[in-house]
C-alpha atoms as a PDB file:
ATOM      1  CA  MET A   1      -3.234  13.779   9.863  1.00  0.00           C
ATOM      2  CA  LYS A   2      -4.021  13.853   6.165  1.00  0.00           C
ATOM      3  CA  ILE A   3      -7.367  12.466   5.574  1.00  0.00           C
ATOM      4  CA  ILE A   4      -7.745  11.217   1.841  1.00  0.00           C
ATOM      5  CA  VAL A   5     -11.036   9.697   0.538  1.00  0.00           C
ATOM      6  CA  VAL A   6     -11.373   7.717  -2.464  1.00  0.00           C
ATOM      7  CA  ALA A   7     -15.113   8.188  -3.671  1.00  0.00           C
ATOM      8  CA  SER A   8     -17.334   7.682  -6.673  1.00  0.00           C
ATOM      9  CA  GLN A   9     -20.823   6.879  -6.679  1.00  0.00           C
ATOM     10  CA  LYS A  10     -20.182   4.863  -9.962  1.00  0.00           C
ATOM     11  CA  GLY A  11     -19.186   1.261  -9.309  1.00  0.00           C
ATOM     12  CA  GLY A  12     -16.410  -0.492 -11.051  1.00  0.00           C
ATOM     13  CA  VAL A  13     -14.059   2.447 -11.363  1.00  0.00           C
ATOM     14  CA  GLY A  14     -11.227   0.720  -9.235  1.00  0.00           C
ATOM     15  CA  LYS A  15     -11.784   2.515  -5.984  1.00  0.00           C
ATOM     16  CA  THR A  16     -10.632  -0.194  -3.667  1.00  0.00           C
ATOM     17  CA  THR A  17      -7.545  -1.248  -5.996  1.00  0.00           C
ATOM     18  CA  LEU A  18      -6.510   2.490  -5.970  1.00  0.00           C
ATOM     19  CA  THR A  19      -6.967   2.844  -2.230  1.00  0.00           C
ATOM     20  CA  GLY A  20      -4.591  -0.149  -1.490  1.00  0.00           C
ATOM     21  CA  HIS A  21      -1.881   0.815  -4.004  1.00  0.00           C
ATOM     22  CA  LEU A  22      -1.898   4.451  -2.754  1.00  0.00           C
ATOM     23  CA  GLY A  23      -1.658   3.227   0.944  1.00  0.00           C
ATOM     24  CA  VAL A  24       1.159   1.001   0.159  1.00  0.00           C
ATOM     25  CA  GLN A  25       3.031   3.600  -1.732  1.00  0.00           C
ATOM     26  CA  ALA A  26       2.561   6.234   0.788  1.00  0.00           C
ATOM     27  CA  SER A  27       3.977   3.913   3.412  1.00  0.00           C
ATOM     28  CA  THR A  28       6.882   2.938   0.973  1.00  0.00           C
ATOM     29  CA  SER A  29       7.589   6.445   0.494  1.00  0.00           C
ATOM     30  CA  GLY A  30       8.126   7.206   4.106  1.00  0.00           C
ATOM     31  CA  HIS A  31       4.949   9.336   4.660  1.00  0.00           C
ATOM     32  CA  GLY A  32       3.603   6.944   7.347  1.00  0.00           C
ATOM     33  CA  PRO A  33       2.337   5.760   9.579  1.00  0.00           C
ATOM     34  CA  VAL A  34      -0.492   5.140   6.937  1.00  0.00           C
ATOM     35  CA  ALA A  35      -3.829   3.895   8.056  1.00  0.00           C
ATOM     36  CA  LEU A  36      -6.556   2.404   5.616  1.00  0.00           C
ATOM     37  CA  LEU A  37     -10.260   2.291   6.623  1.00  0.00           C
ATOM     38  CA  ASP A  38     -13.046   0.482   4.584  1.00  0.00           C
ATOM     39  CA  THR A  39     -16.446   2.046   4.676  1.00  0.00           C
ATOM     40  CA  ASP A  40     -17.842  -0.268   1.798  1.00  0.00           C
ATOM     41  CA  PRO A  41     -20.195  -3.077   3.219  1.00  0.00           C
ATOM     42  CA  GLN A  42     -18.785  -5.594   0.827  1.00  0.00           C
ATOM     43  CA  GLY A  43     -15.472  -5.367   2.443  1.00  0.00           C
ATOM     44  CA  SER A  44     -13.213  -5.704  -0.541  1.00  0.00           C
ATOM     45  CA  LEU A  45     -10.393  -3.662   0.904  1.00  0.00           C
ATOM     46  CA  ALA A  46     -10.649  -5.502   4.313  1.00  0.00           C
ATOM     47  CA  ASP A  47     -10.320  -8.836   2.329  1.00  0.00           C
ATOM     48  CA  TRP A  48      -7.323  -7.641   0.427  1.00  0.00           C
ATOM     49  CA  TRP A  49      -5.735  -6.396   3.671  1.00  0.00           C
ATOM     50  CA  ASN A  50      -6.288  -9.637   5.509  1.00  0.00           C
ATOM     51  CA  MET A  51      -4.228 -11.437   2.945  1.00  0.00           C
ATOM     52  CA  ARG A  52      -1.212  -9.170   3.444  1.00  0.00           C
ATOM     53  CA  GLU A  53       1.913 -10.295   4.988  1.00  0.00           C
ATOM     54  CA  ALA A  54       3.432  -6.828   5.289  1.00  0.00           C
ATOM     55  CA  PRO A  55       2.565  -4.891   8.596  1.00  0.00           C
ATOM     56  CA  GLU A  56       1.858  -1.555   6.943  1.00  0.00           C
ATOM     57  CA  PRO A  57      -0.184   0.125   6.103  1.00  0.00           C
ATOM     58  CA  ILE A  58      -2.447  -0.669   9.070  1.00  0.00           C
ATOM     59  CA  PHE A  59      -6.142  -1.317   8.806  1.00  0.00           C
ATOM     60  CA  VAL A  60      -8.898   0.171  10.829  1.00  0.00           C
ATOM     61  CA  THR A  61     -12.665  -0.409  11.227  1.00  0.00           C
ATOM     62  CA  ALA A  62     -15.124   1.983  12.329  1.00  0.00           C
ATOM     63  CA  LYS A  63     -18.893   2.381  11.900  1.00  0.00           C
ATOM     64  CA  ILE A  64     -19.939   5.593  10.166  1.00  0.00           C
ATOM     65  CA  ASN A  65     -21.495   7.046  13.245  1.00  0.00           C
ATOM     66  CA  ALA A  66     -18.086   6.476  15.130  1.00  0.00           C
ATOM     67  CA  LEU A  67     -15.995   7.809  12.342  1.00  0.00           C
ATOM     68  CA  PRO A  68     -15.009  11.076  13.996  1.00  0.00           C
ATOM     69  CA  SER A  69     -14.052   9.381  17.287  1.00  0.00           C
ATOM     70  CA  ALA A  70     -11.903   6.857  15.222  1.00  0.00           C
ATOM     71  CA  ILE A  71     -10.157   9.538  13.452  1.00  0.00           C
ATOM     72  CA  GLU A  72      -9.259  11.190  16.573  1.00  0.00           C
ATOM     73  CA  GLU A  73      -7.733   8.076  18.089  1.00  0.00           C
ATOM     74  CA  LEU A  74      -5.705   7.634  14.906  1.00  0.00           C
ATOM     75  CA  LYS A  75      -4.458  11.092  15.172  1.00  0.00           C
ATOM     76  CA  GLN A  76      -3.498  10.514  18.905  1.00  0.00           C
ATOM     77  CA  ALA A  77      -1.747   7.403  17.849  1.00  0.00           C
ATOM     78  CA  GLY A  78       0.322   9.320  15.560  1.00  0.00           C
ATOM     79  CA  VAL A  79      -0.969   8.276  12.246  1.00  0.00           C
ATOM     80  CA  GLU A  80       0.081  10.587   9.535  1.00  0.00           C
ATOM     81  CA  ILE A  81      -2.183   9.595   6.515  1.00  0.00           C
ATOM     82  CA  LEU A  82      -5.433   7.926   6.524  1.00  0.00           C
ATOM     83  CA  ILE A  83      -6.959   6.750   3.218  1.00  0.00           C
ATOM     84  CA  ILE A  84     -10.759   5.707   3.297  1.00  0.00           C
ATOM     85  CA  ASP A  85     -12.387   3.719   0.552  1.00  0.00           C
ATOM     86  CA  THR A  86     -16.135   4.188  -0.060  1.00  0.00           C
ATOM     87  CA  PRO A  87     -18.874   2.096  -1.480  1.00  0.00           C
ATOM     88  CA  PRO A  88     -20.723   3.027  -4.784  1.00  0.00           C
ATOM     89  CA  SER A  89     -24.347   4.255  -4.768  1.00  0.00           C
ATOM     90  CA  ILE A  90     -24.714   4.559  -0.934  1.00  0.00           C
ATOM     91  CA  THR A  91     -25.020   8.196  -0.841  1.00  0.00           C
ATOM     92  CA  GLU A  92     -25.497   8.589   3.060  1.00  0.00           C
ATOM     93  CA  ILE A  93     -22.238   6.817   3.596  1.00  0.00           C
ATOM     94  CA  ILE A  94     -20.344   8.740   0.891  1.00  0.00           C
ATOM     95  CA  ARG A  95     -21.585  12.136   2.191  1.00  0.00           C
ATOM     96  CA  SER A  96     -20.586  11.260   5.814  1.00  0.00           C
ATOM     97  CA  VAL A  97     -16.879  10.206   4.819  1.00  0.00           C
ATOM     98  CA  VAL A  98     -16.605  13.215   2.401  1.00  0.00           C
ATOM     99  CA  ALA A  99     -17.554  15.375   5.303  1.00  0.00           C
ATOM    100  CA  VAL A 100     -14.251  14.480   7.322  1.00  0.00           C
ATOM    101  CA  ALA A 101     -12.093  14.569   4.161  1.00  0.00           C
ATOM    102  CA  ASP A 102      -9.166  16.875   3.512  1.00  0.00           C
ATOM    103  CA  LEU A 103      -8.875  15.653  -0.173  1.00  0.00           C
ATOM    104  CA  VAL A 104     -11.178  13.562  -2.339  1.00  0.00           C
ATOM    105  CA  ILE A 105      -9.845  11.427  -5.068  1.00  0.00           C
ATOM    106  CA  ILE A 106     -12.423  10.606  -7.601  1.00  0.00           C
ATOM    107  CA  PRO A 107     -11.376   7.686 -10.002  1.00  0.00           C
ATOM    108  CA  THR A 108     -13.369   7.442 -13.228  1.00  0.00           C
ATOM    109  CA  ARG A 109     -12.681   5.367 -16.367  1.00  0.00           C
ATOM    110  CA  PRO A 110     -12.458   7.247 -19.627  1.00  0.00           C
ATOM    111  CA  SER A 111     -15.960   6.214 -20.929  1.00  0.00           C
ATOM    112  CA  PRO A 112     -19.047   8.375 -21.725  1.00  0.00           C
ATOM    113  CA  HIS A 113     -21.102   6.489 -19.216  1.00  0.00           C
ATOM    114  CA  ASP A 114     -18.683   6.960 -16.485  1.00  0.00           C
ATOM    115  CA  LEU A 115     -17.912  10.647 -17.227  1.00  0.00           C
ATOM    116  CA  ARG A 116     -21.855  11.324 -16.957  1.00  0.00           C
ATOM    117  CA  ALA A 117     -21.910   9.625 -13.612  1.00  0.00           C
ATOM    118  CA  VAL A 118     -19.118  11.833 -12.270  1.00  0.00           C
ATOM    119  CA  GLY A 119     -21.467  14.800 -11.438  1.00  0.00           C
ATOM    120  CA  LYS A 120     -23.166  13.205  -8.602  1.00  0.00           C
ATOM    121  CA  THR A 121     -19.960  12.741  -6.654  1.00  0.00           C
ATOM    122  CA  VAL A 122     -18.730  16.159  -7.642  1.00  0.00           C
ATOM    123  CA  ASP A 123     -21.994  17.553  -6.307  1.00  0.00           C
ATOM    124  CA  ILE A 124     -21.330  15.862  -2.819  1.00  0.00           C
ATOM    125  CA  VAL A 125     -17.848  17.127  -2.583  1.00  0.00           C
ATOM    126  CA  ASN A 126     -18.855  20.681  -3.679  1.00  0.00           C
ATOM    127  CA  ASP A 127     -21.704  20.735  -0.922  1.00  0.00           C
ATOM    128  CA  TYR A 128     -18.917  20.226   1.723  1.00  0.00           C
ATOM    129  CA  GLY A 129     -16.506  22.588   0.037  1.00  0.00           C
ATOM    130  CA  LYS A 130     -13.722  19.978  -0.235  1.00  0.00           C
ATOM    131  CA  ARG A 131     -10.826  19.806  -2.494  1.00  0.00           C
ATOM    132  CA  MET A 132     -10.869  17.083  -5.182  1.00  0.00           C
ATOM    133  CA  MET A 133      -8.783  15.453  -7.733  1.00  0.00           C
ATOM    134  CA  PHE A 134      -9.732  13.052 -10.439  1.00  0.00           C
ATOM    135  CA  VAL A 135      -7.805  10.113 -11.538  1.00  0.00           C
ATOM    136  CA  ILE A 136      -8.390   8.492 -14.968  1.00  0.00           C
ATOM    137  CA  ASN A 137      -8.193   4.826 -14.130  1.00  0.00           C
ATOM    138  CA  GLY A 138      -8.453   1.663 -16.336  1.00  0.00           C
ATOM    139  CA  ALA A 139      -7.804   3.580 -19.441  1.00  0.00           C
ATOM    140  CA  ALA A 140      -6.805   1.853 -22.816  1.00  0.00           C
ATOM    141  CA  HIS A 141      -3.383   2.614 -24.457  1.00  0.00           C
ATOM    142  CA  ARG A 142      -3.571   5.199 -27.325  1.00  0.00           C
ATOM    143  CA  ALA A 143      -7.237   5.807 -26.913  1.00  0.00           C
ATOM    144  CA  ARG A 144      -8.227   9.235 -27.837  1.00  0.00           C
ATOM    145  CA  ILE A 145     -11.123   9.250 -25.373  1.00  0.00           C
ATOM    146  CA  THR A 146      -8.583   9.306 -22.524  1.00  0.00           C
ATOM    147  CA  ALA A 147      -7.289  12.590 -23.459  1.00  0.00           C
ATOM    148  CA  ASP A 148     -10.980  13.821 -24.152  1.00  0.00           C
ATOM    149  CA  ALA A 149     -11.993  12.660 -20.706  1.00  0.00           C
ATOM    150  CA  ALA A 150      -9.052  14.704 -18.984  1.00  0.00           C
ATOM    151  CA  ILE A 151     -10.230  17.844 -20.630  1.00  0.00           C
ATOM    152  CA  ALA A 152     -13.885  17.434 -19.717  1.00  0.00           C
ATOM    153  CA  LEU A 153     -12.988  16.542 -16.108  1.00  0.00           C
ATOM    154  CA  SER A 154     -10.505  19.537 -15.953  1.00  0.00           C
ATOM    155  CA  GLN A 155     -13.574  21.870 -15.986  1.00  0.00           C
ATOM    156  CA  HIS A 156     -14.499  20.695 -12.565  1.00  0.00           C
ATOM    157  CA  GLY A 157     -11.294  20.272 -10.763  1.00  0.00           C
ATOM    158  CA  ALA A 158      -7.661  19.089 -10.783  1.00  0.00           C
ATOM    159  CA  VAL A 159      -7.051  15.970 -12.876  1.00  0.00           C
ATOM    160  CA  ALA A 160      -3.864  13.854 -12.121  1.00  0.00           C
ATOM    161  CA  PRO A 161      -1.443  13.957 -14.810  1.00  0.00           C
ATOM    162  CA  THR A 162      -0.722  10.390 -14.366  1.00  0.00           C
ATOM    163  CA  ILE A 163      -3.186   8.101 -16.022  1.00  0.00           C
ATOM    164  CA  ILE A 164      -3.508   4.598 -14.701  1.00  0.00           C
ATOM    165  CA  TYR A 165      -3.685   2.207 -17.552  1.00  0.00           C
ATOM    166  CA  GLN A 166      -5.692  -1.122 -17.706  1.00  0.00           C
ATOM    167  CA  ARG A 167      -3.130  -3.677 -16.935  1.00  0.00           C
ATOM    168  CA  THR A 168      -3.561  -7.338 -15.384  1.00  0.00           C
ATOM    169  CA  ASP A 169      -1.047  -6.979 -12.624  1.00  0.00           C
ATOM    170  CA  TYR A 170      -3.166  -4.349 -10.813  1.00  0.00           C
ATOM    171  CA  ALA A 171      -6.081  -6.989 -10.395  1.00  0.00           C
ATOM    172  CA  SER A 172      -3.725 -10.081 -10.066  1.00  0.00           C
ATOM    173  CA  SER A 173      -1.830  -8.373  -7.266  1.00  0.00           C
ATOM    174  CA  MET A 174      -4.714  -7.640  -5.164  1.00  0.00           C
ATOM    175  CA  ILE A 175      -5.503 -11.467  -5.026  1.00  0.00           C
ATOM    176  CA  ASP A 176      -3.047 -12.163  -2.369  1.00  0.00           C
ATOM    177  CA  GLY A 177      -2.785  -8.814  -0.637  1.00  0.00           C
ATOM    178  CA  ARG A 178      -0.073  -7.188  -2.589  1.00  0.00           C
ATOM    179  CA  THR A 179       0.281  -4.390  -5.161  1.00  0.00           C
ATOM    180  CA  ALA A 180       1.569  -4.354  -8.529  1.00  0.00           C
ATOM    181  CA  GLY A 181       4.701  -2.595  -7.001  1.00  0.00           C
ATOM    182  CA  GLU A 182       5.272  -5.346  -4.704  1.00  0.00           C
ATOM    183  CA  LEU A 183       4.999  -7.801  -7.552  1.00  0.00           C
ATOM    184  CA  ASP A 184       7.543  -5.997  -9.699  1.00  0.00           C
ATOM    185  CA  ALA A 185       8.804  -2.681  -8.643  1.00  0.00           C
ATOM    186  CA  SER A 186      10.167  -1.991 -12.268  1.00  0.00           C
ATOM    187  CA  SER A 187       7.038  -2.571 -13.780  1.00  0.00           C
ATOM    188  CA  LYS A 188       5.063   0.232 -15.806  1.00  0.00           C
ATOM    189  CA  SER A 189       2.108  -0.064 -13.192  1.00  0.00           C
ATOM    190  CA  ALA A 190       4.439   0.468 -10.221  1.00  0.00           C
ATOM    191  CA  THR A 191       5.958   3.612 -11.882  1.00  0.00           C
ATOM    192  CA  GLU A 192       2.411   4.934 -12.447  1.00  0.00           C
ATOM    193  CA  ILE A 193       1.534   4.512  -8.652  1.00  0.00           C
ATOM    194  CA  VAL A 194       4.723   6.050  -7.644  1.00  0.00           C
ATOM    195  CA  GLU A 195       4.098   9.246  -9.841  1.00  0.00           C
ATOM    196  CA  LEU A 196       0.456   9.200  -8.899  1.00  0.00           C
ATOM    197  CA  TRP A 197       1.260   9.199  -5.067  1.00  0.00           C
ATOM    198  CA  ASN A 198       3.922  11.822  -5.729  1.00  0.00           C
ATOM    199  CA  TYR A 199       1.430  14.087  -7.291  1.00  0.00           C
ATOM    200  CA  VAL A 200      -1.283  13.532  -4.571  1.00  0.00           C
ATOM    201  CA  ASN A 201       1.329  14.259  -1.908  1.00  0.00           C
ATOM    202  CA  THR A 202       2.522  17.348  -3.657  1.00  0.00           C
ATOM    203  CA  HIS A 203      -0.928  18.644  -4.420  1.00  0.00           C
ATOM    204  CA  PHE A 204      -2.076  18.159  -0.938  1.00  0.00           C
ATOM    205  CA  ASP A 205       0.861  20.268   0.455  1.00  0.00           C
ATOM    206  CA  LYS A 206       0.318  22.906  -2.121  1.00  0.00           C
ATOM    207  CA  TYR A 207      -3.492  23.397  -1.923  1.00  0.00           C
ATOM    208  CA  VAL A 208      -4.844  21.590   1.068  1.00  0.00           C
ATOM    209  CA  ASN A 209      -2.515  22.640   3.815  1.00  0.00           C
ATOM    210  CA  LYS A 210      -2.566  26.001   2.339  1.00  0.00           C
ATOM    211  CA  ARG A 211      -6.121  26.331   3.149  1.00  0.00           C
ATOM    212  CA  LYS A 212      -5.887  25.090   6.659  1.00  0.00           C
END
Protein backbone atom coordinates (compact mmCIF):
# COMPACT_ATOMS: atom_id res chain seq x y z
CA MET A 1 0.00 0.00 0.00
CA LYS A 2 1.26 3.47 -0.92
CA ILE A 3 0.99 6.01 1.89
CA ILE A 4 0.99 9.61 0.70
CA VAL A 5 0.92 12.41 3.26
CA VAL A 6 -0.05 15.97 2.38
CA ALA A 7 1.66 18.19 4.93
CA SER A 8 2.61 21.76 5.66
CA GLN A 9 2.93 23.64 8.91
CA LYS A 10 1.67 26.70 7.07
CA GLY A 11 -2.10 27.07 7.03
CA GLY A 12 -4.05 28.16 3.96
CA VAL A 13 -1.96 26.35 1.37
CA GLY A 14 -4.79 24.10 0.16
CA LYS A 15 -3.86 20.78 1.76
CA THR A 16 -7.43 19.53 2.14
CA THR A 17 -8.51 20.52 -1.36
CA LEU A 18 -5.42 18.87 -2.80
CA THR A 19 -5.92 15.71 -0.73
CA GLY A 20 -9.50 15.30 -1.88
CA HIS A 21 -8.70 15.99 -5.51
CA LEU A 22 -5.74 13.60 -5.60
CA GLY A 23 -7.76 10.90 -3.87
CA VAL A 24 -10.60 11.12 -6.36
CA GLN A 25 -8.21 11.24 -9.31
CA ALA A 26 -6.26 8.23 -8.07
CA SER A 27 -9.50 6.29 -7.82
CA THR A 28 -10.75 7.51 -11.20
CA SER A 29 -7.44 6.52 -12.79
CA GLY A 30 -7.86 2.94 -11.62
CA HIS A 31 -5.20 2.97 -8.92
CA GLY A 32 -7.60 2.09 -6.09
CA PRO A 33 -9.02 1.12 -3.80
CA VAL A 34 -8.11 4.54 -2.38
CA ALA A 35 -8.65 5.62 1.21
CA LEU A 36 -8.52 9.11 2.70
CA LEU A 37 -7.69 9.86 6.31
CA ASP A 38 -8.09 13.22 8.04
CA THR A 39 -5.83 14.02 11.00
CA ASP A 40 -6.81 17.70 11.16
CA PRO A 41 -8.97 18.36 14.26
CA GLN A 42 -11.01 20.83 12.18
CA GLY A 43 -12.25 17.88 10.11
CA SER A 44 -12.55 19.75 6.82
CA LEU A 45 -11.77 16.67 4.73
CA ALA A 46 -14.33 14.64 6.67
CA ASP A 47 -16.94 17.35 6.13
CA TRP A 48 -16.25 17.30 2.39
CA TRP A 49 -16.40 13.52 2.17
CA ASN A 50 -19.68 13.37 4.10
CA MET A 51 -21.22 15.47 1.33
CA ARG A 52 -20.10 13.06 -1.40
CA GLU A 53 -22.46 10.74 -3.22
CA ALA A 54 -19.74 8.68 -4.93
CA PRO A 55 -18.61 5.61 -2.94
CA GLU A 56 -14.91 6.13 -3.62
CA PRO A 57 -12.49 7.06 -2.31
CA ILE A 58 -13.41 5.58 1.04
CA PHE A 59 -12.89 7.57 4.22
CA VAL A 60 -11.39 6.27 7.45
CA THR A 61 -10.85 7.76 10.88
CA ALA A 62 -8.14 6.94 13.37
CA LYS A 63 -6.59 8.58 16.38
CA ILE A 64 -2.90 9.32 16.00
CA ASN A 65 -1.86 6.70 18.55
CA ALA A 66 -3.87 4.11 16.60
CA LEU A 67 -2.51 5.08 13.20
CA PRO A 68 -0.16 2.08 12.74
CA SER A 69 -2.93 -0.42 13.48
CA ALA A 70 -5.36 1.43 11.21
CA ILE A 71 -2.81 1.30 8.40
CA GLU A 72 -2.35 -2.42 8.89
CA GLU A 73 -6.11 -2.97 8.72
CA LEU A 74 -6.31 -1.01 5.48
CA LYS A 75 -3.50 -3.10 4.01
CA GLN A 76 -5.32 -6.29 4.97
CA ALA A 77 -8.50 -4.91 3.40
CA GLY A 78 -6.72 -4.46 0.08
CA VAL A 79 -6.44 -0.67 -0.01
CA GLU A 80 -3.79 0.31 -2.56
CA ILE A 81 -3.37 4.02 -1.78
CA LEU A 82 -3.85 5.90 1.48
CA ILE A 83 -3.71 9.70 1.34
CA ILE A 84 -3.53 11.48 4.69
CA ASP A 85 -4.43 15.12 5.29
CA THR A 86 -2.65 16.90 8.15
CA PRO A 87 -3.30 20.00 10.25
CA PRO A 88 -1.17 23.13 10.16
CA SER A 89 0.98 24.08 13.14
CA ILE A 90 0.38 20.95 15.25
CA THR A 91 3.93 19.61 15.01
CA GLU A 92 3.34 16.44 17.03
CA ILE A 93 0.59 15.24 14.69
CA ILE A 94 2.57 16.14 11.58
CA ARG A 95 5.62 14.26 12.85
CA SER A 96 3.53 11.17 13.71
CA VAL A 97 1.97 11.09 10.25
CA VAL A 98 5.19 11.80 8.36
CA ALA A 99 6.76 8.88 10.24
CA VAL A 100 4.45 6.42 8.43
CA ALA A 101 4.62 8.10 5.00
CA ASP A 102 6.16 6.71 1.86
CA LEU A 103 5.90 10.07 0.11
CA VAL A 104 5.22 13.52 1.56
CA ILE A 105 3.61 16.14 -0.66
CA ILE A 106 4.24 19.69 0.54
CA PRO A 107 1.90 22.21 -1.07
CA THR A 108 2.95 25.85 -0.99
CA ARG A 109 1.66 29.05 -2.44
CA PRO A 110 4.21 31.07 -4.44
CA SER A 111 4.66 33.92 -2.00
CA PRO A 112 7.70 34.94 0.05
CA HIS A 113 5.89 34.28 3.33
CA ASP A 114 4.80 30.80 2.28
CA LEU A 115 8.24 29.90 0.93
CA ARG A 116 9.89 30.97 4.18
CA ALA A 117 7.50 28.75 6.11
CA VAL A 118 8.35 25.64 4.06
CA GLY A 119 11.57 25.02 5.97
CA LYS A 120 9.85 23.77 9.13
CA THR A 121 8.01 21.05 7.21
CA VAL A 122 11.13 20.13 5.24
CA ASP A 123 13.02 19.69 8.51
CA ILE A 124 10.43 17.21 9.79
CA VAL A 125 10.51 15.22 6.55
CA ASN A 126 14.30 15.12 6.58
CA ASP A 127 14.33 14.01 10.22
CA TYR A 128 12.50 10.84 9.13
CA GLY A 129 14.41 10.42 5.87
CA LYS A 130 11.23 10.49 3.78
CA ARG A 131 10.88 11.30 0.10
CA MET A 132 9.15 14.64 -0.48
CA MET A 133 7.67 16.58 -3.36
CA PHE A 134 6.60 20.21 -3.54
CA VAL A 135 3.41 21.28 -5.28
CA ILE A 136 2.97 24.95 -6.13
CA ASN A 137 -0.67 25.62 -5.35
CA GLY A 138 -2.94 28.62 -5.80
CA ALA A 139 -0.63 30.36 -8.27
CA ALA A 140 -1.60 33.49 -10.17
CA HIS A 141 -1.41 33.32 -13.95
CA ARG A 142 1.67 34.81 -15.61
CA ALA A 143 3.26 35.74 -12.28
CA ARG A 144 7.04 35.70 -12.32
CA ILE A 145 7.17 34.71 -8.66
CA THR A 146 5.77 31.28 -9.58
CA ALA A 147 8.87 30.42 -11.60
CA ASP A 148 11.08 31.90 -8.88
CA ALA A 149 9.31 29.73 -6.30
CA ALA A 150 9.90 26.58 -8.34
CA ILE A 151 13.61 27.36 -8.56
CA ALA A 152 13.88 28.03 -4.83
CA LEU A 153 12.00 24.85 -3.89
CA SER A 154 14.04 22.68 -6.25
CA GLN A 155 17.05 23.23 -4.02
CA HIS A 156 15.31 21.18 -1.32
CA GLY A 157 13.58 18.45 -3.31
CA ALA A 158 11.49 17.50 -6.31
CA VAL A 159 8.98 20.06 -7.57
CA ALA A 160 5.92 18.82 -9.44
CA PRO A 161 6.02 20.25 -12.99
CA THR A 162 2.26 20.78 -12.88
CA ILE A 163 1.32 24.07 -11.23
CA ILE A 164 -2.10 24.33 -9.62
CA TYR A 165 -3.49 27.75 -10.46
CA GLN A 166 -5.96 29.81 -8.47
CA ARG A 167 -9.41 28.99 -9.83
CA THR A 168 -12.83 29.23 -8.24
CA ASP A 169 -13.92 25.75 -9.32
CA TYR A 170 -11.50 24.13 -6.87
CA ALA A 171 -13.23 25.78 -3.92
CA SER A 172 -16.77 25.62 -5.30
CA SER A 173 -16.54 21.90 -6.01
CA MET A 174 -15.56 21.18 -2.42
CA ILE A 175 -18.77 22.70 -1.12
CA ASP A 176 -20.91 19.68 -2.06
CA GLY A 177 -18.36 16.88 -1.85
CA ARG A 178 -17.09 16.91 -5.40
CA THR A 179 -13.90 17.88 -7.22
CA ALA A 180 -13.29 20.29 -10.08
CA GLY A 181 -12.99 17.33 -12.43
CA GLU A 182 -16.35 15.99 -11.32
CA LEU A 183 -17.91 19.38 -12.02
CA ASP A 184 -16.37 19.59 -15.49
CA ALA A 185 -13.97 16.95 -16.73
CA SER A 186 -12.90 19.22 -19.59
CA SER A 187 -11.90 22.14 -17.36
CA LYS A 188 -8.34 23.39 -16.98
CA SER A 189 -8.50 22.53 -13.29
CA ALA A 190 -9.43 18.93 -14.10
CA THR A 191 -6.49 18.69 -16.50
CA GLU A 192 -4.12 20.02 -13.84
CA ILE A 193 -5.18 17.38 -11.34
CA VAL A 194 -4.91 14.57 -13.89
CA GLU A 195 -1.39 15.68 -14.79
CA LEU A 196 -0.41 16.14 -11.13
CA TRP A 197 -1.65 12.69 -10.15
CA ASN A 198 0.13 11.09 -13.10
CA TYR A 199 3.36 12.74 -11.99
CA VAL A 200 2.87 11.74 -8.34
CA ASN A 201 2.22 8.13 -9.33
CA THR A 202 5.19 7.99 -11.71
CA HIS A 203 7.45 9.70 -9.17
CA PHE A 204 6.38 7.22 -6.53
CA ASP A 205 7.17 4.21 -8.70
CA LYS A 206 10.46 5.68 -9.89
CA TYR A 207 11.90 6.81 -6.57
CA VAL A 208 9.96 5.50 -3.57
CA ASN A 209 9.38 1.90 -4.66
CA LYS A 210 12.98 1.71 -5.79
CA ARG A 211 14.16 2.40 -2.25
CA LYS A 212 12.01 -0.31 -0.67
